[in-house]
């Protein structure tokens, strides 16, 4: 284990791996703090911190007087994990087909360049995609602006639209490690384009999610805006009261 990584982070990673591998199933009671401390040769304080992070992330829940249990994962979306928008749907078990509607190389628009911390002279990939789930139901339309990896030509990338079915996978294959994301959600009235692309009624609201994705250095690598029919998207945020 890396000396520079806090012990409780290392323990949290091990516990999470055990949960994700199915060693502890949903609803299973975890060993006590004392038992985990002995098993992993760490202090109970380290165990408490690791478990606290897993509670915050929604992987486990504490029940007063009973112990800590593996959480039942909701079918809605969790704010604690960073997935691509199509990835979220696949995590839900949907069969997702992503179609590229438009792909071009452009100078970065001023409003987007501010978010990406680049100049308007910088060339970016401007990409519009529509995601469909079972029976060709449109789930979202996404408009993305991608900063190309330094060693890759944006013009060459524009000639390979098949690379962008999984945008995060593409970035990671190109040597960019996705680390952080900030996003904002608001409701809007459907536009004529929404009505056409998402196959909804004119009086139906849409949810607009704006996201800025960063690499491990903190540099923004993608700005995207995604539009969902409001009745096809549910967003879950797990909250924790400090000290509880």
Protein backbone atom coordinates (compact mmCIF):
# COMPACT_ATOMS: atom_id res chain seq x y z
CA UNK A 1 0.00 0.00 0.00
CA UNK A 2 1.17 3.54 -0.78
CA UNK A 3 2.56 5.37 2.23
CA UNK A 4 1.24 8.69 0.90
CA UNK A 5 -2.34 7.42 0.90
CA UNK A 6 -4.10 7.82 4.27
CA UNK A 7 -4.80 4.49 5.94
CA UNK A 8 -8.52 5.04 6.07
CA UNK A 9 -8.59 5.69 2.29
CA UNK A 10 -6.78 2.40 1.75
CA UNK A 11 -9.20 0.59 4.05
CA UNK A 12 -12.19 2.24 2.37
CA UNK A 13 -10.96 1.00 -1.02
CA UNK A 14 -10.63 -2.55 0.33
CA UNK A 15 -14.09 -2.51 1.89
CA UNK A 16 -15.63 -1.07 -1.27
CA UNK A 17 -13.94 -3.75 -3.37
CA UNK A 18 -15.43 -6.41 -1.08
CA UNK A 19 -18.91 -4.92 -1.51
CA UNK A 20 -18.62 -4.55 -5.28
CA UNK A 21 -17.26 -8.10 -5.68
CA UNK A 22 -20.30 -9.50 -3.87
CA UNK A 23 -18.42 -10.67 -0.79
CA UNK A 24 -20.98 -8.69 1.20
CA UNK A 25 -24.36 -8.63 -0.52
CA UNK A 26 -27.04 -5.94 -0.25
CA UNK A 27 -28.50 -5.97 3.25
CA UNK A 28 -25.56 -7.91 4.72
CA UNK A 29 -24.30 -6.94 8.17
CA UNK A 30 -20.66 -5.83 8.11
CA UNK A 31 -18.25 -7.00 10.81
CA UNK A 32 -18.03 -4.71 13.83
CA UNK A 33 -15.47 -1.90 14.04
CA UNK A 34 -13.43 -4.03 16.44
CA UNK A 35 -13.51 -7.02 14.09
CA UNK A 36 -12.53 -4.93 11.06
CA UNK A 37 -9.71 -3.28 13.02
CA UNK A 38 -8.31 -6.69 13.92
CA UNK A 39 -8.81 -8.13 10.43
CA UNK A 40 -7.05 -5.25 8.64
CA UNK A 41 -4.53 -4.44 11.43
CA UNK A 42 -5.63 -0.82 11.79
CA UNK A 43 -7.09 1.28 14.60
CA UNK A 44 -10.82 1.60 15.27
CA UNK A 45 -10.51 5.29 14.40
CA UNK A 46 -9.27 4.31 10.92
CA UNK A 47 -12.21 1.91 10.57
CA UNK A 48 -14.66 4.59 11.72
CA UNK A 49 -13.35 7.09 9.14
CA UNK A 50 -13.47 4.54 6.30
CA UNK A 51 -17.01 3.47 7.21
CA UNK A 52 -18.05 7.12 7.49
CA UNK A 53 -16.94 7.75 3.91
CA UNK A 54 -18.85 4.69 2.70
CA UNK A 55 -21.96 5.91 4.51
CA UNK A 56 -21.62 9.33 2.85
CA UNK A 57 -21.25 7.67 -0.55
CA UNK A 58 -24.35 5.55 0.03
CA UNK A 59 -22.66 2.14 0.01
CA UNK A 60 -23.48 1.25 3.61
CA UNK A 61 -25.99 2.41 6.22
CA UNK A 62 -25.73 2.51 10.00
CA UNK A 63 -28.66 1.32 12.10
CA UNK A 64 -28.67 2.41 15.71
CA UNK A 65 -28.06 -0.54 18.02
CA UNK A 66 -27.84 -3.02 15.12
CA UNK A 67 -24.67 -2.27 13.19
CA UNK A 68 -23.61 -1.30 9.68
CA UNK A 69 -25.26 -2.88 6.65
CA UNK A 70 -24.56 -2.90 2.91
CA UNK A 71 -27.05 -0.47 1.41
CA UNK A 72 -29.71 -1.48 -1.08
CA UNK A 73 -28.67 0.44 -4.17
CA UNK A 74 -31.42 2.64 -5.53
CA UNK A 75 -32.43 2.50 -9.18
CA UNK A 76 -32.08 6.27 -9.40
CA UNK A 77 -28.79 8.07 -9.97
CA UNK A 78 -26.28 8.71 -7.24
CA UNK A 79 -24.39 11.98 -6.89
CA UNK A 80 -21.39 10.31 -5.33
CA UNK A 81 -20.12 8.48 -8.41
CA UNK A 82 -19.00 10.05 -11.66
CA UNK A 83 -20.35 8.28 -14.73
CA UNK A 84 -20.87 9.44 -18.29
CA UNK A 85 -24.54 10.08 -19.02
CA UNK A 86 -24.89 6.99 -21.21
CA UNK A 87 -22.86 5.07 -18.63
CA UNK A 88 -25.47 5.96 -15.99
CA UNK A 89 -28.17 4.35 -18.10
CA UNK A 90 -26.10 1.22 -18.64
CA UNK A 91 -25.47 1.02 -14.89
CA UNK A 92 -29.27 0.89 -14.57
CA UNK A 93 -29.40 -2.16 -16.84
CA UNK A 94 -30.70 -0.38 -19.94
CA UNK A 95 -29.63 -1.32 -23.43
CA UNK A 96 -28.38 2.03 -24.71
CA UNK A 97 -27.79 3.07 -28.30
CA UNK A 98 -25.97 6.37 -28.71
CA UNK A 99 -26.14 8.07 -32.08
CA UNK A 100 -23.86 10.89 -33.20
CA UNK A 101 -26.02 13.68 -34.60
CA UNK A 102 -23.24 16.15 -35.25
CA UNK A 103 -19.46 16.27 -34.84
CA UNK A 104 -17.19 19.11 -35.86
CA UNK A 105 -14.01 20.94 -34.94
CA UNK A 106 -14.62 24.54 -33.90
CA UNK A 107 -13.06 27.39 -32.02
CA UNK A 108 -14.37 27.25 -28.48
CA UNK A 109 -17.42 29.51 -27.86
CA UNK A 110 -16.67 32.25 -25.30
CA UNK A 111 -19.22 31.01 -22.73
CA UNK A 112 -17.70 27.51 -22.88
CA UNK A 113 -14.04 28.59 -23.01
CA UNK A 114 -14.48 30.25 -19.61
CA UNK A 115 -15.68 26.95 -18.14
CA UNK A 116 -12.85 24.98 -19.77
CA UNK A 117 -10.17 27.54 -18.86
CA UNK A 118 -9.00 27.85 -22.46
CA UNK A 119 -9.01 30.67 -25.02
CA UNK A 120 -11.61 31.06 -27.75
CA UNK A 121 -8.83 30.37 -30.26
CA UNK A 122 -8.46 26.82 -28.95
CA UNK A 123 -9.97 24.17 -31.20
CA UNK A 124 -12.40 21.82 -29.49
CA UNK A 125 -14.56 18.92 -30.58
CA UNK A 126 -18.20 20.00 -30.64
CA UNK A 127 -20.36 16.91 -30.40
CA UNK A 128 -24.12 16.34 -30.31
CA UNK A 129 -25.43 12.88 -29.37
CA UNK A 130 -28.85 11.34 -28.77
CA UNK A 131 -29.20 8.32 -26.48
CA UNK A 132 -31.98 5.80 -27.03
CA UNK A 133 -33.06 3.02 -24.71
CA UNK A 134 -35.28 0.01 -25.35
CA UNK A 135 -37.81 0.36 -28.19
CA UNK A 136 -35.97 3.42 -29.54
CA UNK A 137 -37.22 5.73 -26.81
CA UNK A 138 -35.03 8.85 -26.78
CA UNK A 139 -33.63 9.41 -23.29
CA UNK A 140 -31.44 12.46 -23.69
CA UNK A 141 -29.74 14.81 -26.12
CA UNK A 142 -26.23 15.88 -25.17
CA UNK A 143 -24.10 18.71 -26.50
CA UNK A 144 -20.43 18.39 -25.53
CA UNK A 145 -17.26 20.38 -26.03
CA UNK A 146 -14.14 18.27 -25.59
CA UNK A 147 -10.57 19.44 -25.16
CA UNK A 148 -8.53 16.96 -27.17
CA UNK A 149 -5.55 15.23 -25.52
CA UNK A 150 -2.37 17.18 -26.29
CA UNK A 151 -0.93 14.36 -28.42
CA UNK A 152 -4.08 13.88 -30.53
CA UNK A 153 -5.18 15.93 -33.54
CA UNK A 154 -8.75 17.21 -33.19
CA UNK A 155 -9.14 16.98 -36.96
CA UNK A 156 -8.20 13.30 -36.93
CA UNK A 157 -10.62 12.69 -34.06
CA UNK A 158 -13.46 14.32 -35.95
CA UNK A 159 -13.03 11.69 -38.64
CA UNK A 160 -13.61 8.90 -36.08
CA UNK A 161 -17.14 9.40 -34.70
CA UNK A 162 -17.26 5.79 -33.48
CA UNK A 163 -14.82 6.82 -30.73
CA UNK A 164 -17.50 8.86 -29.00
CA UNK A 165 -20.10 6.29 -28.03
CA UNK A 166 -18.36 6.27 -24.63
CA UNK A 167 -16.75 9.68 -24.15
CA UNK A 168 -15.10 8.93 -20.81
CA UNK A 169 -13.73 5.66 -22.16
CA UNK A 170 -12.27 7.55 -25.11
CA UNK A 171 -10.61 10.13 -22.87
CA UNK A 172 -9.20 7.45 -20.58
CA UNK A 173 -7.90 5.42 -23.53
CA UNK A 174 -6.15 8.61 -24.63
CA UNK A 175 -4.28 8.81 -21.33
CA UNK A 176 -6.58 11.26 -19.52
CA UNK A 177 -7.64 10.08 -16.08
CA UNK A 178 -11.11 11.39 -15.30
CA UNK A 179 -11.31 12.41 -11.67
CA UNK A 180 -13.90 15.06 -10.85
CA UNK A 181 -17.16 16.48 -12.13
CA UNK A 182 -19.33 19.44 -11.17
CA UNK A 183 -22.86 19.65 -12.43
CA UNK A 184 -25.91 21.85 -12.17
CA UNK A 185 -29.52 20.86 -12.73
CA UNK A 186 -32.40 23.09 -13.69
CA UNK A 187 -35.84 22.72 -15.26
CA UNK A 188 -36.86 24.45 -18.48
CA UNK A 189 -39.83 24.49 -20.81
CA UNK A 190 -39.29 22.23 -23.80
CA UNK A 191 -37.97 23.93 -26.93
CA UNK A 192 -39.16 22.99 -30.43
CA UNK A 193 -35.94 21.01 -30.85
CA UNK A 194 -36.59 19.15 -27.56
CA UNK A 195 -40.11 18.27 -28.71
CA UNK A 196 -38.78 16.88 -31.96
CA UNK A 197 -35.67 15.06 -30.71
CA UNK A 198 -37.08 13.73 -27.42
CA UNK A 199 -40.56 12.98 -28.79
CA UNK A 200 -42.40 14.86 -26.05
CA UNK A 201 -45.37 17.20 -25.83
CA UNK A 202 -45.01 20.95 -26.06
CA UNK A 203 -46.09 21.59 -22.47
CA UNK A 204 -43.70 19.01 -21.01
CA UNK A 205 -40.72 20.26 -18.96
CA UNK A 206 -37.17 19.09 -19.52
CA UNK A 207 -34.33 18.72 -17.05
CA UNK A 208 -31.11 20.39 -18.15
CA UNK A 209 -27.88 19.09 -16.63
CA UNK A 210 -24.72 21.09 -17.19
CA UNK A 211 -21.49 19.30 -16.30
CA UNK A 212 -17.81 20.21 -16.26
CA UNK A 213 -15.51 17.18 -16.11
CA UNK A 214 -11.92 17.45 -14.87
CA UNK A 215 -8.86 15.24 -15.04
CA UNK A 216 -6.79 14.26 -12.01
CA UNK A 217 -4.81 17.51 -12.19
CA UNK A 218 -8.04 19.50 -11.92
CA UNK A 219 -7.93 20.71 -15.53
CA UNK A 220 -11.35 20.77 -17.27
CA UNK A 221 -11.49 18.40 -20.24
CA UNK A 222 -15.19 18.43 -21.18
CA UNK A 223 -18.16 20.76 -20.91
CA UNK A 224 -21.53 19.20 -21.63
CA UNK A 225 -25.21 20.05 -21.46
CA UNK A 226 -27.73 17.22 -21.42
CA UNK A 227 -31.49 17.57 -21.84
CA UNK A 228 -33.84 14.90 -20.47
CA UNK A 229 -37.64 14.65 -20.52
CA UNK A 230 -38.47 15.37 -16.88
CA UNK A 231 -40.57 12.23 -16.50
CA UNK A 232 -37.74 9.94 -17.68
CA UNK A 233 -35.04 10.98 -15.25
CA UNK A 234 -34.72 10.73 -11.47
CA UNK A 235 -31.74 12.04 -9.59
CA UNK A 236 -30.74 10.84 -6.14
CA UNK A 237 -28.61 12.82 -3.68
CA UNK A 238 -27.64 11.17 -0.42
CA UNK A 239 -27.34 13.66 2.44
CA UNK A 240 -25.55 13.33 5.72
CA UNK A 241 -25.96 15.58 8.73
CA UNK A 242 -22.59 16.54 10.19
CA UNK A 243 -21.79 14.67 13.36
CA UNK A 244 -24.52 12.05 12.82
